[in-house]
Amino acid sequence: MFPPTVADMGQGVYNLNAQSNAFGSRSELRAKLERKAQEVCKGKGFEEVNQVNGTKYDTIFNSGIFVPVSTKSSSLIIRCKD
């Protein structure tokens, strides 16, 4: 899994994104986003504005052959509590 990324959307609203390969679970992606949300909101808590999950299927060319791959992603938009 890759570390979550954070985009500040202003006024205490943040868009958090996490990705993993096909072996990562959706529940672990969610847990990773929740931990990052707590960190971003400095432990004050947050409310969830929106969540989006997705799986991307693709083919890569590696060592002379085409290999099917998939990645999972999860996006969580939060608003920090005051």
N, C-alpha and C. Protein backbone atom coordinates (compact mmCIF):
# COMPACT_ATOMS: atom_id res chain seq x y z
N MET A 1 0.83 -1.18 0.00
CA MET A 1 0.00 0.00 0.00
C MET A 1 0.87 1.24 0.00
N PHE A 2 0.36 2.27 -0.61
CA PHE A 2 1.06 3.54 -0.66
C PHE A 2 0.55 4.44 0.47
N PRO A 3 1.37 5.37 0.95
CA PRO A 3 0.88 6.30 1.98
C PRO A 3 -0.26 7.16 1.44
N PRO A 4 -1.23 7.50 2.29
CA PRO A 4 -2.33 8.35 1.83
C PRO A 4 -1.84 9.74 1.45
N THR A 5 -2.52 10.35 0.50
CA THR A 5 -2.24 11.74 0.13
C THR A 5 -3.38 12.59 0.66
N VAL A 6 -3.08 13.85 0.91
CA VAL A 6 -4.06 14.78 1.48
C VAL A 6 -4.09 16.05 0.65
N ALA A 7 -5.29 16.49 0.28
CA ALA A 7 -5.47 17.76 -0.41
C ALA A 7 -6.35 18.64 0.47
N ASP A 8 -5.85 19.83 0.81
CA ASP A 8 -6.60 20.79 1.61
C ASP A 8 -7.57 21.52 0.68
N MET A 9 -8.87 21.36 0.94
CA MET A 9 -9.89 21.98 0.10
C MET A 9 -10.40 23.29 0.71
N GLY A 10 -9.81 23.69 1.86
CA GLY A 10 -10.19 24.93 2.51
C GLY A 10 -11.31 24.76 3.53
N GLN A 11 -11.37 25.65 4.49
CA GLN A 11 -12.40 25.70 5.52
C GLN A 11 -12.52 24.39 6.30
N GLY A 12 -11.38 23.77 6.58
CA GLY A 12 -11.37 22.55 7.39
C GLY A 12 -11.81 21.29 6.66
N VAL A 13 -11.88 21.34 5.34
CA VAL A 13 -12.28 20.19 4.53
C VAL A 13 -11.05 19.65 3.80
N TYR A 14 -10.89 18.31 3.85
CA TYR A 14 -9.73 17.67 3.24
C TYR A 14 -10.18 16.47 2.41
N ASN A 15 -9.47 16.25 1.31
CA ASN A 15 -9.69 15.08 0.46
C ASN A 15 -8.51 14.14 0.66
N LEU A 16 -8.76 12.95 1.22
CA LEU A 16 -7.71 11.97 1.49
C LEU A 16 -7.84 10.83 0.48
N ASN A 17 -6.72 10.38 -0.06
CA ASN A 17 -6.72 9.30 -1.04
C ASN A 17 -5.69 8.25 -0.65
N ALA A 18 -6.06 6.98 -0.84
CA ALA A 18 -5.13 5.87 -0.58
C ALA A 18 -5.27 4.86 -1.72
N GLN A 19 -4.15 4.21 -2.05
CA GLN A 19 -4.14 3.21 -3.11
C GLN A 19 -3.37 1.98 -2.65
N SER A 20 -3.72 0.85 -3.24
CA SER A 20 -2.97 -0.38 -2.99
C SER A 20 -3.00 -1.24 -4.24
N ASN A 21 -2.17 -2.26 -4.22
CA ASN A 21 -2.24 -3.22 -5.33
C ASN A 21 -3.43 -4.15 -5.10
N ALA A 22 -3.56 -5.16 -5.91
CA ALA A 22 -4.71 -6.06 -5.83
C ALA A 22 -4.78 -6.82 -4.52
N PHE A 23 -3.67 -6.94 -3.80
CA PHE A 23 -3.65 -7.73 -2.57
C PHE A 23 -4.11 -6.94 -1.35
N GLY A 24 -4.19 -5.62 -1.44
CA GLY A 24 -4.66 -4.80 -0.33
C GLY A 24 -6.18 -4.94 -0.17
N SER A 25 -6.64 -4.91 1.06
CA SER A 25 -8.07 -5.05 1.31
C SER A 25 -8.74 -3.68 1.42
N ARG A 26 -10.01 -3.63 1.12
CA ARG A 26 -10.78 -2.39 1.25
C ARG A 26 -10.82 -1.94 2.71
N SER A 27 -10.94 -2.89 3.63
CA SER A 27 -11.00 -2.51 5.05
C SER A 27 -9.70 -1.89 5.52
N GLU A 28 -8.56 -2.36 5.02
CA GLU A 28 -7.29 -1.76 5.41
C GLU A 28 -7.12 -0.39 4.78
N LEU A 29 -7.60 -0.21 3.55
CA LEU A 29 -7.57 1.12 2.92
C LEU A 29 -8.40 2.09 3.76
N ARG A 30 -9.57 1.66 4.19
CA ARG A 30 -10.43 2.51 5.01
C ARG A 30 -9.75 2.85 6.33
N ALA A 31 -9.16 1.85 6.98
CA ALA A 31 -8.48 2.08 8.26
C ALA A 31 -7.33 3.07 8.09
N LYS A 32 -6.60 2.95 6.99
CA LYS A 32 -5.48 3.85 6.71
C LYS A 32 -5.97 5.29 6.54
N LEU A 33 -7.11 5.46 5.84
CA LEU A 33 -7.68 6.79 5.66
C LEU A 33 -8.18 7.37 6.98
N GLU A 34 -8.78 6.55 7.82
CA GLU A 34 -9.27 7.03 9.12
C GLU A 34 -8.11 7.46 10.02
N ARG A 35 -7.01 6.71 10.01
CA ARG A 35 -5.84 7.10 10.80
C ARG A 35 -5.27 8.43 10.30
N LYS A 36 -5.21 8.59 8.98
CA LYS A 36 -4.70 9.83 8.40
C LYS A 36 -5.64 10.99 8.73
N ALA A 37 -6.95 10.75 8.70
CA ALA A 37 -7.92 11.80 9.02
C ALA A 37 -7.74 12.27 10.46
N GLN A 38 -7.52 11.36 11.39
CA GLN A 38 -7.29 11.74 12.79
C GLN A 38 -6.02 12.59 12.91
N GLU A 39 -5.00 12.22 12.15
CA GLU A 39 -3.74 12.97 12.16
C GLU A 39 -3.95 14.38 11.60
N VAL A 40 -4.65 14.48 10.47
CA VAL A 40 -4.89 15.78 9.82
C VAL A 40 -5.71 16.69 10.73
N CYS A 41 -6.70 16.12 11.42
CA CYS A 41 -7.59 16.91 12.29
C CYS A 41 -7.04 17.04 13.71
N LYS A 42 -5.79 16.63 13.90
CA LYS A 42 -5.09 16.78 15.19
C LYS A 42 -5.87 16.19 16.36
N GLY A 43 -6.53 15.04 16.11
CA GLY A 43 -7.23 14.33 17.17
C GLY A 43 -8.54 14.94 17.61
N LYS A 44 -9.01 16.00 16.94
CA LYS A 44 -10.27 16.67 17.32
C LYS A 44 -11.49 15.95 16.76
N GLY A 45 -11.27 14.97 15.91
CA GLY A 45 -12.37 14.26 15.27
C GLY A 45 -12.73 14.86 13.93
N PHE A 46 -13.54 14.13 13.19
CA PHE A 46 -13.93 14.57 11.86
C PHE A 46 -15.28 13.98 11.50
N GLU A 47 -15.93 14.61 10.54
CA GLU A 47 -17.14 14.04 9.98
C GLU A 47 -16.88 13.71 8.52
N GLU A 48 -17.43 12.61 8.09
CA GLU A 48 -17.25 12.15 6.71
C GLU A 48 -18.22 12.88 5.80
N VAL A 49 -17.70 13.49 4.75
CA VAL A 49 -18.53 14.18 3.78
C VAL A 49 -18.88 13.24 2.64
N ASN A 50 -17.90 12.45 2.19
CA ASN A 50 -18.11 11.55 1.05
C ASN A 50 -17.00 10.51 1.01
N GLN A 51 -17.33 9.30 0.53
CA GLN A 51 -16.32 8.27 0.31
C GLN A 51 -16.56 7.63 -1.05
N VAL A 52 -15.47 7.37 -1.77
CA VAL A 52 -15.54 6.74 -3.08
C VAL A 52 -14.51 5.63 -3.13
N ASN A 53 -14.91 4.43 -3.55
CA ASN A 53 -14.00 3.30 -3.72
C ASN A 53 -13.97 2.92 -5.19
N GLY A 54 -12.85 2.39 -5.62
CA GLY A 54 -12.75 1.96 -7.01
C GLY A 54 -11.67 0.93 -7.21
N THR A 55 -11.78 0.19 -8.29
CA THR A 55 -10.76 -0.77 -8.70
C THR A 55 -10.48 -0.52 -10.16
N LYS A 56 -9.21 -0.38 -10.50
CA LYS A 56 -8.82 -0.12 -11.88
C LYS A 56 -8.13 -1.37 -12.42
N TYR A 57 -8.56 -1.82 -13.58
CA TYR A 57 -7.96 -2.98 -14.24
C TYR A 57 -7.18 -2.47 -15.44
N ASP A 58 -5.96 -2.96 -15.58
CA ASP A 58 -5.10 -2.47 -16.63
C ASP A 58 -4.18 -3.60 -17.09
N THR A 59 -3.45 -3.37 -18.13
CA THR A 59 -2.46 -4.32 -18.63
C THR A 59 -1.14 -3.59 -18.77
N ILE A 60 -0.07 -4.21 -18.28
CA ILE A 60 1.27 -3.63 -18.43
C ILE A 60 2.12 -4.56 -19.29
N PHE A 61 3.13 -4.00 -19.89
CA PHE A 61 4.07 -4.78 -20.69
C PHE A 61 5.33 -4.96 -19.87
N ASN A 62 5.67 -6.20 -19.53
CA ASN A 62 6.82 -6.49 -18.68
C ASN A 62 7.57 -7.70 -19.21
N SER A 63 8.83 -7.53 -19.46
CA SER A 63 9.70 -8.63 -19.94
C SER A 63 9.14 -9.32 -21.18
N GLY A 64 8.60 -8.54 -22.08
CA GLY A 64 8.13 -9.09 -23.35
C GLY A 64 6.73 -9.68 -23.34
N ILE A 65 6.01 -9.59 -22.21
CA ILE A 65 4.65 -10.12 -22.17
C ILE A 65 3.70 -9.09 -21.56
N PHE A 66 2.45 -9.20 -21.92
CA PHE A 66 1.41 -8.35 -21.33
C PHE A 66 0.90 -9.02 -20.07
N VAL A 67 0.85 -8.26 -18.97
CA VAL A 67 0.44 -8.80 -17.68
C VAL A 67 -0.76 -8.01 -17.17
N PRO A 68 -1.88 -8.71 -16.85
CA PRO A 68 -3.02 -7.99 -16.28
C PRO A 68 -2.74 -7.59 -14.83
N VAL A 69 -3.06 -6.36 -14.47
CA VAL A 69 -2.87 -5.88 -13.10
C VAL A 69 -4.12 -5.11 -12.67
N SER A 70 -4.30 -5.01 -11.37
CA SER A 70 -5.39 -4.19 -10.86
C SER A 70 -4.90 -3.43 -9.63
N THR A 71 -5.45 -2.26 -9.44
CA THR A 71 -5.15 -1.45 -8.26
C THR A 71 -6.46 -1.04 -7.62
N LYS A 72 -6.43 -0.86 -6.31
CA LYS A 72 -7.60 -0.41 -5.57
C LYS A 72 -7.32 0.99 -5.06
N SER A 73 -8.37 1.80 -5.01
CA SER A 73 -8.21 3.14 -4.46
C SER A 73 -9.44 3.48 -3.61
N SER A 74 -9.22 4.35 -2.67
CA SER A 74 -10.30 4.82 -1.82
C SER A 74 -10.05 6.30 -1.55
N SER A 75 -11.11 7.07 -1.62
CA SER A 75 -11.04 8.51 -1.39
C SER A 75 -12.04 8.87 -0.31
N LEU A 76 -11.62 9.69 0.63
CA LEU A 76 -12.48 10.09 1.74
C LEU A 76 -12.39 11.61 1.88
N ILE A 77 -13.52 12.27 1.79
CA ILE A 77 -13.58 13.72 2.02
C ILE A 77 -14.12 13.93 3.43
N ILE A 78 -13.36 14.69 4.23
CA ILE A 78 -13.71 14.89 5.62
C ILE A 78 -13.79 16.38 5.96
N ARG A 79 -14.48 16.67 7.04
CA ARG A 79 -14.48 18.01 7.62
C ARG A 79 -14.04 17.86 9.07
N CYS A 80 -12.98 18.55 9.45
CA CYS A 80 -12.48 18.48 10.82
C CYS A 80 -13.43 19.18 11.77
N LYS A 81 -13.61 18.59 12.94
CA LYS A 81 -14.43 19.22 13.99
C LYS A 81 -13.58 20.27 14.70
N ASP A 82 -14.23 21.30 15.21
CA ASP A 82 -13.52 22.37 15.92
C ASP A 82 -13.21 21.98 17.34
